């Protein structure tokens, strides 16, 4: 993460903008939504925890909750100060493998509960998965509207973590046949797989052998 400590920006009407106020209007509104949703997710995890029966799901829930809490704290920190948080965004790592079981098997039709006693691990893991998917989308949209470079990078770095958590939960659900994954017939799949070919030739207006200007920036810090 590029160091932005003490960097000043300009408001065309009021002059210098101190780091703690280095936020655009869209950014402020979107960050409030992101942080409120993060609180909602952690509160849901806490409420659901008491109903979990499977030790594996309980382990996933506890690890994800602890990680979310830390990520929430550094997002709040950089949003308040406009500067680098006390530590960089961590990388979430799931504990299980990534093998999906493909195919569908018959299940009972789903319907609304008649009693709270019907809560089960399938429902709990579905709620957790939905929260991770929602968080990934919300943080992506917020990052695209964020002008503060530190907050933007914290949001952007947290998106892969949401994806990893969601993937972990989808694998857990798939293993227990809660989340079934159909496949296309092999001939149909191959038709889609072979529907595209690599691009050929030089870039538009690019002389042979000249490196594009943008490629020189690939190693710059974000």
C-alpha atoms as a PDB file:
ATOM      1  CA  UNK A   1       0.000   0.000   0.000  1.00  0.00           C
ATOM      2  CA  UNK A   2       1.390   3.372  -0.966  1.00  0.00           C
ATOM      3  CA  UNK A   3       2.077   5.657   2.018  1.00  0.00           C
ATOM      4  CA  UNK A   4      -0.411   8.506   2.054  1.00  0.00           C
ATOM      5  CA  UNK A   5       0.409   9.872   5.515  1.00  0.00           C
ATOM      6  CA  UNK A   6      -0.143  13.625   5.777  1.00  0.00           C
ATOM      7  CA  UNK A   7      -0.927  14.082   2.087  1.00  0.00           C
ATOM      8  CA  UNK A   8      -2.984  17.230   1.400  1.00  0.00           C
ATOM      9  CA  UNK A   9      -5.602  17.599  -1.326  1.00  0.00           C
ATOM     10  CA  UNK A  10      -7.421  20.604  -2.687  1.00  0.00           C
ATOM     11  CA  UNK A  11     -11.037  21.720  -2.621  1.00  0.00           C
ATOM     12  CA  UNK A  12     -11.569  24.385  -5.283  1.00  0.00           C
ATOM     13  CA  UNK A  13     -13.813  26.369  -2.904  1.00  0.00           C
ATOM     14  CA  UNK A  14     -12.254  25.945   0.549  1.00  0.00           C
ATOM     15  CA  UNK A  15      -8.578  25.257  -0.141  1.00  0.00           C
ATOM     16  CA  UNK A  16      -6.520  22.523   1.527  1.00  0.00           C
ATOM     17  CA  UNK A  17      -8.333  19.374   2.606  1.00  0.00           C
ATOM     18  CA  UNK A  18      -6.772  17.614   5.638  1.00  0.00           C
ATOM     19  CA  UNK A  19      -6.309  13.812   5.414  1.00  0.00           C
ATOM     20  CA  UNK A  20      -9.244  13.008   7.710  1.00  0.00           C
ATOM     21  CA  UNK A  21     -11.610  14.893   5.363  1.00  0.00           C
ATOM     22  CA  UNK A  22     -10.139  13.512   2.141  1.00  0.00           C
ATOM     23  CA  UNK A  23     -13.366  11.782   1.099  1.00  0.00           C
ATOM     24  CA  UNK A  24     -15.844  12.467  -1.679  1.00  0.00           C
ATOM     25  CA  UNK A  25     -19.602  12.530  -1.180  1.00  0.00           C
ATOM     26  CA  UNK A  26     -20.251   9.180  -2.900  1.00  0.00           C
ATOM     27  CA  UNK A  27     -17.442   7.657  -0.867  1.00  0.00           C
ATOM     28  CA  UNK A  28     -18.852   8.794   2.478  1.00  0.00           C
ATOM     29  CA  UNK A  29     -22.314   7.417   1.699  1.00  0.00           C
ATOM     30  CA  UNK A  30     -21.001   4.143   0.257  1.00  0.00           C
ATOM     31  CA  UNK A  31     -18.624   3.588   3.193  1.00  0.00           C
ATOM     32  CA  UNK A  32     -21.492   4.051   5.630  1.00  0.00           C
ATOM     33  CA  UNK A  33     -23.403   1.346   3.759  1.00  0.00           C
ATOM     34  CA  UNK A  34     -20.379  -0.987   3.652  1.00  0.00           C
ATOM     35  CA  UNK A  35     -19.644  -0.589   7.361  1.00  0.00           C
ATOM     36  CA  UNK A  36     -23.304  -0.916   8.356  1.00  0.00           C
ATOM     37  CA  UNK A  37     -23.561  -4.107   6.286  1.00  0.00           C
ATOM     38  CA  UNK A  38     -20.390  -5.450   7.936  1.00  0.00           C
ATOM     39  CA  UNK A  39     -21.936  -4.882  11.357  1.00  0.00           C
ATOM     40  CA  UNK A  40     -25.111  -6.602  10.183  1.00  0.00           C
ATOM     41  CA  UNK A  41     -23.137  -9.611   8.951  1.00  0.00           C
ATOM     42  CA  UNK A  42     -21.187  -9.966  12.199  1.00  0.00           C
ATOM     43  CA  UNK A  43     -24.369  -9.603  14.244  1.00  0.00           C
ATOM     44  CA  UNK A  44     -26.013 -12.309  12.127  1.00  0.00           C
ATOM     45  CA  UNK A  45     -23.036 -14.624  12.633  1.00  0.00           C
ATOM     46  CA  UNK A  46     -23.309 -14.078  16.383  1.00  0.00           C
ATOM     47  CA  UNK A  47     -27.044 -14.809  16.411  1.00  0.00           C
ATOM     48  CA  UNK A  48     -26.698 -17.900  14.225  1.00  0.00           C
ATOM     49  CA  UNK A  49     -23.746 -19.353  16.118  1.00  0.00           C
ATOM     50  CA  UNK A  50     -25.871 -20.769  18.940  1.00  0.00           C
ATOM     51  CA  UNK A  51     -27.865 -22.857  16.452  1.00  0.00           C
ATOM     52  CA  UNK A  52     -24.906 -24.452  14.603  1.00  0.00           C
ATOM     53  CA  UNK A  53     -24.688 -28.231  15.012  1.00  0.00           C
ATOM     54  CA  UNK A  54     -21.790 -29.202  12.735  1.00  0.00           C
ATOM     55  CA  UNK A  55     -18.335 -28.553  14.322  1.00  0.00           C
ATOM     56  CA  UNK A  56     -16.868 -27.881  10.869  1.00  0.00           C
ATOM     57  CA  UNK A  57     -19.392 -25.127  10.174  1.00  0.00           C
ATOM     58  CA  UNK A  58     -18.828 -23.697  13.644  1.00  0.00           C
ATOM     59  CA  UNK A  59     -15.094 -23.516  12.925  1.00  0.00           C
ATOM     60  CA  UNK A  60     -15.747 -21.714   9.633  1.00  0.00           C
ATOM     61  CA  UNK A  61     -18.121 -19.280  11.307  1.00  0.00           C
ATOM     62  CA  UNK A  62     -15.679 -18.441  14.118  1.00  0.00           C
ATOM     63  CA  UNK A  63     -12.703 -17.975  11.784  1.00  0.00           C
ATOM     64  CA  UNK A  64     -14.678 -15.794   9.396  1.00  0.00           C
ATOM     65  CA  UNK A  65     -16.137 -13.699  12.216  1.00  0.00           C
ATOM     66  CA  UNK A  66     -12.696 -13.006  13.685  1.00  0.00           C
ATOM     67  CA  UNK A  67     -11.339 -12.035  10.267  1.00  0.00           C
ATOM     68  CA  UNK A  68     -14.328  -9.804   9.470  1.00  0.00           C
ATOM     69  CA  UNK A  69     -13.943  -8.005  12.786  1.00  0.00           C
ATOM     70  CA  UNK A  70     -10.310  -7.125  12.081  1.00  0.00           C
ATOM     71  CA  UNK A  71     -11.108  -6.032   8.528  1.00  0.00           C
ATOM     72  CA  UNK A  72     -13.977  -3.886   9.798  1.00  0.00           C
ATOM     73  CA  UNK A  73     -11.690  -2.219  12.345  1.00  0.00           C
ATOM     74  CA  UNK A  74      -9.000  -1.198   9.846  1.00  0.00           C
ATOM     75  CA  UNK A  75     -11.658   0.066   7.418  1.00  0.00           C
ATOM     76  CA  UNK A  76     -13.152   2.248  10.162  1.00  0.00           C
ATOM     77  CA  UNK A  77      -9.651   3.418  11.094  1.00  0.00           C
ATOM     78  CA  UNK A  78      -8.617   4.565   7.612  1.00  0.00           C
ATOM     79  CA  UNK A  79     -12.071   6.061   6.960  1.00  0.00           C
ATOM     80  CA  UNK A  80     -11.789   8.179  10.122  1.00  0.00           C
ATOM     81  CA  UNK A  81      -8.192   9.298   9.563  1.00  0.00           C
ATOM     82  CA  UNK A  82      -7.888   9.256   5.783  1.00  0.00           C
ATOM     83  CA  UNK A  83      -4.488   7.622   6.272  1.00  0.00           C
ATOM     84  CA  UNK A  84      -2.926   4.172   6.397  1.00  0.00           C
ATOM     85  CA  UNK A  85      -4.468   1.885   9.052  1.00  0.00           C
ATOM     86  CA  UNK A  86      -2.354   0.374  11.811  1.00  0.00           C
ATOM     87  CA  UNK A  87      -1.725  -2.734   9.702  1.00  0.00           C
ATOM     88  CA  UNK A  88      -2.380  -3.791   6.089  1.00  0.00           C
ATOM     89  CA  UNK A  89      -5.379  -5.849   5.022  1.00  0.00           C
ATOM     90  CA  UNK A  90      -4.768  -9.522   5.800  1.00  0.00           C
ATOM     91  CA  UNK A  91      -5.425 -12.403   3.411  1.00  0.00           C
ATOM     92  CA  UNK A  92      -8.153 -14.864   4.372  1.00  0.00           C
ATOM     93  CA  UNK A  93      -7.187 -18.506   3.877  1.00  0.00           C
ATOM     94  CA  UNK A  94      -9.732 -21.317   4.042  1.00  0.00           C
ATOM     95  CA  UNK A  95      -8.768 -24.635   5.613  1.00  0.00           C
ATOM     96  CA  UNK A  96     -10.480 -27.101   3.294  1.00  0.00           C
ATOM     97  CA  UNK A  97      -9.838 -28.288  -0.250  1.00  0.00           C
ATOM     98  CA  UNK A  98     -11.559 -26.946  -3.342  1.00  0.00           C
ATOM     99  CA  UNK A  99     -13.095 -30.041  -4.916  1.00  0.00           C
ATOM    100  CA  UNK A 100     -16.688 -29.628  -6.078  1.00  0.00           C
ATOM    101  CA  UNK A 101     -19.070 -32.532  -6.514  1.00  0.00           C
ATOM    102  CA  UNK A 102     -20.959 -32.036  -9.774  1.00  0.00           C
ATOM    103  CA  UNK A 103     -24.422 -33.304 -10.522  1.00  0.00           C
ATOM    104  CA  UNK A 104     -27.889 -33.131  -9.012  1.00  0.00           C
ATOM    105  CA  UNK A 105     -29.723 -35.520  -6.748  1.00  0.00           C
ATOM    106  CA  UNK A 106     -33.418 -35.305  -5.778  1.00  0.00           C
ATOM    107  CA  UNK A 107     -34.258 -33.262  -2.690  1.00  0.00           C
ATOM    108  CA  UNK A 108     -37.428 -32.254  -0.924  1.00  0.00           C
ATOM    109  CA  UNK A 109     -38.980 -28.983  -2.133  1.00  0.00           C
ATOM    110  CA  UNK A 110     -38.123 -26.032   0.085  1.00  0.00           C
ATOM    111  CA  UNK A 111     -40.822 -24.120   1.914  1.00  0.00           C
ATOM    112  CA  UNK A 112     -41.087 -21.553   4.728  1.00  0.00           C
ATOM    113  CA  UNK A 113     -40.648 -22.827   8.255  1.00  0.00           C
ATOM    114  CA  UNK A 114     -43.517 -23.484  10.588  1.00  0.00           C
ATOM    115  CA  UNK A 115     -41.320 -23.123  13.696  1.00  0.00           C
ATOM    116  CA  UNK A 116     -37.943 -21.652  14.677  1.00  0.00           C
ATOM    117  CA  UNK A 117     -36.941 -25.173  15.715  1.00  0.00           C
ATOM    118  CA  UNK A 118     -36.486 -25.949  12.012  1.00  0.00           C
ATOM    119  CA  UNK A 119     -33.323 -23.837  11.787  1.00  0.00           C
ATOM    120  CA  UNK A 120     -30.454 -26.020  10.596  1.00  0.00           C
ATOM    121  CA  UNK A 121     -26.901 -25.908   9.244  1.00  0.00           C
ATOM    122  CA  UNK A 122     -28.127 -25.671   5.647  1.00  0.00           C
ATOM    123  CA  UNK A 123     -29.996 -22.457   6.426  1.00  0.00           C
ATOM    124  CA  UNK A 124     -27.145 -21.031   8.523  1.00  0.00           C
ATOM    125  CA  UNK A 125     -24.499 -21.679   5.889  1.00  0.00           C
ATOM    126  CA  UNK A 126     -26.824 -20.227   3.216  1.00  0.00           C
ATOM    127  CA  UNK A 127     -27.178 -17.012   5.222  1.00  0.00           C
ATOM    128  CA  UNK A 128     -23.413 -16.799   5.654  1.00  0.00           C
ATOM    129  CA  UNK A 129     -22.825 -17.381   1.942  1.00  0.00           C
ATOM    130  CA  UNK A 130     -25.379 -14.720   0.964  1.00  0.00           C
ATOM    131  CA  UNK A 131     -23.674 -12.213   3.265  1.00  0.00           C
ATOM    132  CA  UNK A 132     -20.254 -12.870   1.706  1.00  0.00           C
ATOM    133  CA  UNK A 133     -21.617 -12.481  -1.822  1.00  0.00           C
ATOM    134  CA  UNK A 134     -23.413  -9.272  -0.899  1.00  0.00           C
ATOM    135  CA  UNK A 135     -20.302  -7.866   0.774  1.00  0.00           C
ATOM    136  CA  UNK A 136     -18.142  -8.586  -2.290  1.00  0.00           C
ATOM    137  CA  UNK A 137     -20.569  -6.703  -4.555  1.00  0.00           C
ATOM    138  CA  UNK A 138     -21.035  -3.797  -2.140  1.00  0.00           C
ATOM    139  CA  UNK A 139     -17.306  -3.294  -1.552  1.00  0.00           C
ATOM    140  CA  UNK A 140     -16.601  -3.440  -5.282  1.00  0.00           C
ATOM    141  CA  UNK A 141     -19.147  -0.716  -6.023  1.00  0.00           C
ATOM    142  CA  UNK A 142     -17.894   1.395  -3.105  1.00  0.00           C
ATOM    143  CA  UNK A 143     -14.254   1.084  -4.183  1.00  0.00           C
ATOM    144  CA  UNK A 144     -15.153   2.359  -7.650  1.00  0.00           C
ATOM    145  CA  UNK A 145     -16.631   5.507  -6.072  1.00  0.00           C
ATOM    146  CA  UNK A 146     -13.834   6.063  -3.509  1.00  0.00           C
ATOM    147  CA  UNK A 147     -11.467   8.991  -4.030  1.00  0.00           C
ATOM    148  CA  UNK A 148      -9.257   8.530  -0.964  1.00  0.00           C
ATOM    149  CA  UNK A 149      -6.411   6.280  -2.189  1.00  0.00           C
ATOM    150  CA  UNK A 150      -5.924   4.480   1.141  1.00  0.00           C
ATOM    151  CA  UNK A 151      -9.613   3.714   1.692  1.00  0.00           C
ATOM    152  CA  UNK A 152      -9.915   2.604  -1.930  1.00  0.00           C
ATOM    153  CA  UNK A 153      -7.019   0.181  -1.513  1.00  0.00           C
ATOM    154  CA  UNK A 154      -8.346  -1.205   1.786  1.00  0.00           C
ATOM    155  CA  UNK A 155     -11.717  -1.853   0.137  1.00  0.00           C
ATOM    156  CA  UNK A 156     -10.147  -3.336  -2.980  1.00  0.00           C
ATOM    157  CA  UNK A 157      -7.875  -5.626  -0.959  1.00  0.00           C
ATOM    158  CA  UNK A 158     -10.824  -6.885   1.106  1.00  0.00           C
ATOM    159  CA  UNK A 159     -12.883  -7.988  -1.924  1.00  0.00           C
ATOM    160  CA  UNK A 160     -10.826 -11.165  -2.578  1.00  0.00           C
ATOM    161  CA  UNK A 161     -11.361 -12.083   1.081  1.00  0.00           C
ATOM    162  CA  UNK A 162     -15.136 -11.914   0.630  1.00  0.00           C
ATOM    163  CA  UNK A 163     -14.789 -14.122  -2.428  1.00  0.00           C
ATOM    164  CA  UNK A 164     -12.617 -16.639  -0.540  1.00  0.00           C
ATOM    165  CA  UNK A 165     -15.075 -16.800   2.356  1.00  0.00           C
ATOM    166  CA  UNK A 166     -17.966 -17.320  -0.043  1.00  0.00           C
ATOM    167  CA  UNK A 167     -16.024 -20.036  -1.845  1.00  0.00           C
ATOM    168  CA  UNK A 168     -15.285 -21.775   1.445  1.00  0.00           C
ATOM    169  CA  UNK A 169     -18.981 -21.786   2.312  1.00  0.00           C
ATOM    170  CA  UNK A 170     -20.071 -22.957  -1.143  1.00  0.00           C
ATOM    171  CA  UNK A 171     -17.649 -25.900  -0.898  1.00  0.00           C
ATOM    172  CA  UNK A 172     -19.004 -26.739   2.552  1.00  0.00           C
ATOM    173  CA  UNK A 173     -22.568 -26.594   1.246  1.00  0.00           C
ATOM    174  CA  UNK A 174     -21.712 -28.607  -1.851  1.00  0.00           C
ATOM    175  CA  UNK A 175     -20.126 -31.365   0.244  1.00  0.00           C
ATOM    176  CA  UNK A 176     -23.373 -31.716   2.198  1.00  0.00           C
ATOM    177  CA  UNK A 177     -25.532 -31.465  -0.969  1.00  0.00           C
ATOM    178  CA  UNK A 178     -27.012 -28.149   0.153  1.00  0.00           C
ATOM    179  CA  UNK A 179     -25.475 -26.404  -2.880  1.00  0.00           C
ATOM    180  CA  UNK A 180     -25.704 -28.630  -5.929  1.00  0.00           C
ATOM    181  CA  UNK A 181     -23.799 -27.828  -9.106  1.00  0.00           C
ATOM    182  CA  UNK A 182     -25.223 -29.087 -12.414  1.00  0.00           C
ATOM    183  CA  UNK A 183     -23.076 -29.426 -15.519  1.00  0.00           C
ATOM    184  CA  UNK A 184     -23.884 -29.012 -19.179  1.00  0.00           C
ATOM    185  CA  UNK A 185     -23.695 -32.033 -21.449  1.00  0.00           C
ATOM    186  CA  UNK A 186     -20.109 -32.587 -22.619  1.00  0.00           C
ATOM    187  CA  UNK A 187     -20.858 -31.632 -26.241  1.00  0.00           C
ATOM    188  CA  UNK A 188     -22.540 -28.390 -25.141  1.00  0.00           C
ATOM    189  CA  UNK A 189     -19.725 -27.582 -22.730  1.00  0.00           C
ATOM    190  CA  UNK A 190     -17.089 -28.143 -25.414  1.00  0.00           C
ATOM    191  CA  UNK A 191     -18.987 -25.914 -27.823  1.00  0.00           C
ATOM    192  CA  UNK A 192     -18.878 -23.073 -25.286  1.00  0.00           C
ATOM    193  CA  UNK A 193     -15.241 -23.819 -24.356  1.00  0.00           C
ATOM    194  CA  UNK A 194     -14.127 -23.632 -27.978  1.00  0.00           C
ATOM    195  CA  UNK A 195     -16.254 -20.619 -28.931  1.00  0.00           C
ATOM    196  CA  UNK A 196     -13.349 -18.170 -28.491  1.00  0.00           C
ATOM    197  CA  UNK A 197      -9.822 -17.915 -29.902  1.00  0.00           C
ATOM    198  CA  UNK A 198      -6.799 -15.771 -28.942  1.00  0.00           C
ATOM    199  CA  UNK A 199      -6.544 -12.257 -30.395  1.00  0.00           C
ATOM    200  CA  UNK A 200      -3.993 -11.848 -33.190  1.00  0.00           C
ATOM    201  CA  UNK A 201      -1.808  -9.015 -34.446  1.00  0.00           C
ATOM    202  CA  UNK A 202      -0.454  -5.795 -32.942  1.00  0.00           C
ATOM    203  CA  UNK A 203      -2.416  -3.350 -30.847  1.00  0.00           C
ATOM    204  CA  UNK A 204      -4.128  -0.494 -32.674  1.00  0.00           C
ATOM    205  CA  UNK A 205      -1.651   2.246 -33.560  1.00  0.00           C
ATOM    206  CA  UNK A 206       1.185   0.518 -31.703  1.00  0.00           C
ATOM    207  CA  UNK A 207       4.507   0.437 -33.596  1.00  0.00           C
ATOM    208  CA  UNK A 208       6.268  -2.925 -33.688  1.00  0.00           C
ATOM    209  CA  UNK A 209       8.537  -3.486 -30.695  1.00  0.00           C
ATOM    210  CA  UNK A 210       7.484  -0.385 -28.714  1.00  0.00           C
ATOM    211  CA  UNK A 211       6.306  -0.962 -25.156  1.00  0.00           C
ATOM    212  CA  UNK A 212       2.933   0.629 -24.332  1.00  0.00           C
ATOM    213  CA  UNK A 213       3.247   3.552 -21.932  1.00  0.00           C
ATOM    214  CA  UNK A 214       0.752   2.050 -19.470  1.00  0.00           C
ATOM    215  CA  UNK A 215       2.820  -1.098 -19.041  1.00  0.00           C
ATOM    216  CA  UNK A 216       5.568   0.995 -17.414  1.00  0.00           C
ATOM    217  CA  UNK A 217       3.248   1.560 -14.465  1.00  0.00           C
ATOM    218  CA  UNK A 218       2.628  -2.093 -13.640  1.00  0.00           C
ATOM    219  CA  UNK A 219       5.152  -2.107 -10.813  1.00  0.00           C
ATOM    220  CA  UNK A 220       4.137   1.162  -9.219  1.00  0.00           C
ATOM    221  CA  UNK A 221       2.593   0.953  -5.730  1.00  0.00           C
ATOM    222  CA  UNK A 222      -1.167   1.310  -5.534  1.00  0.00           C
END
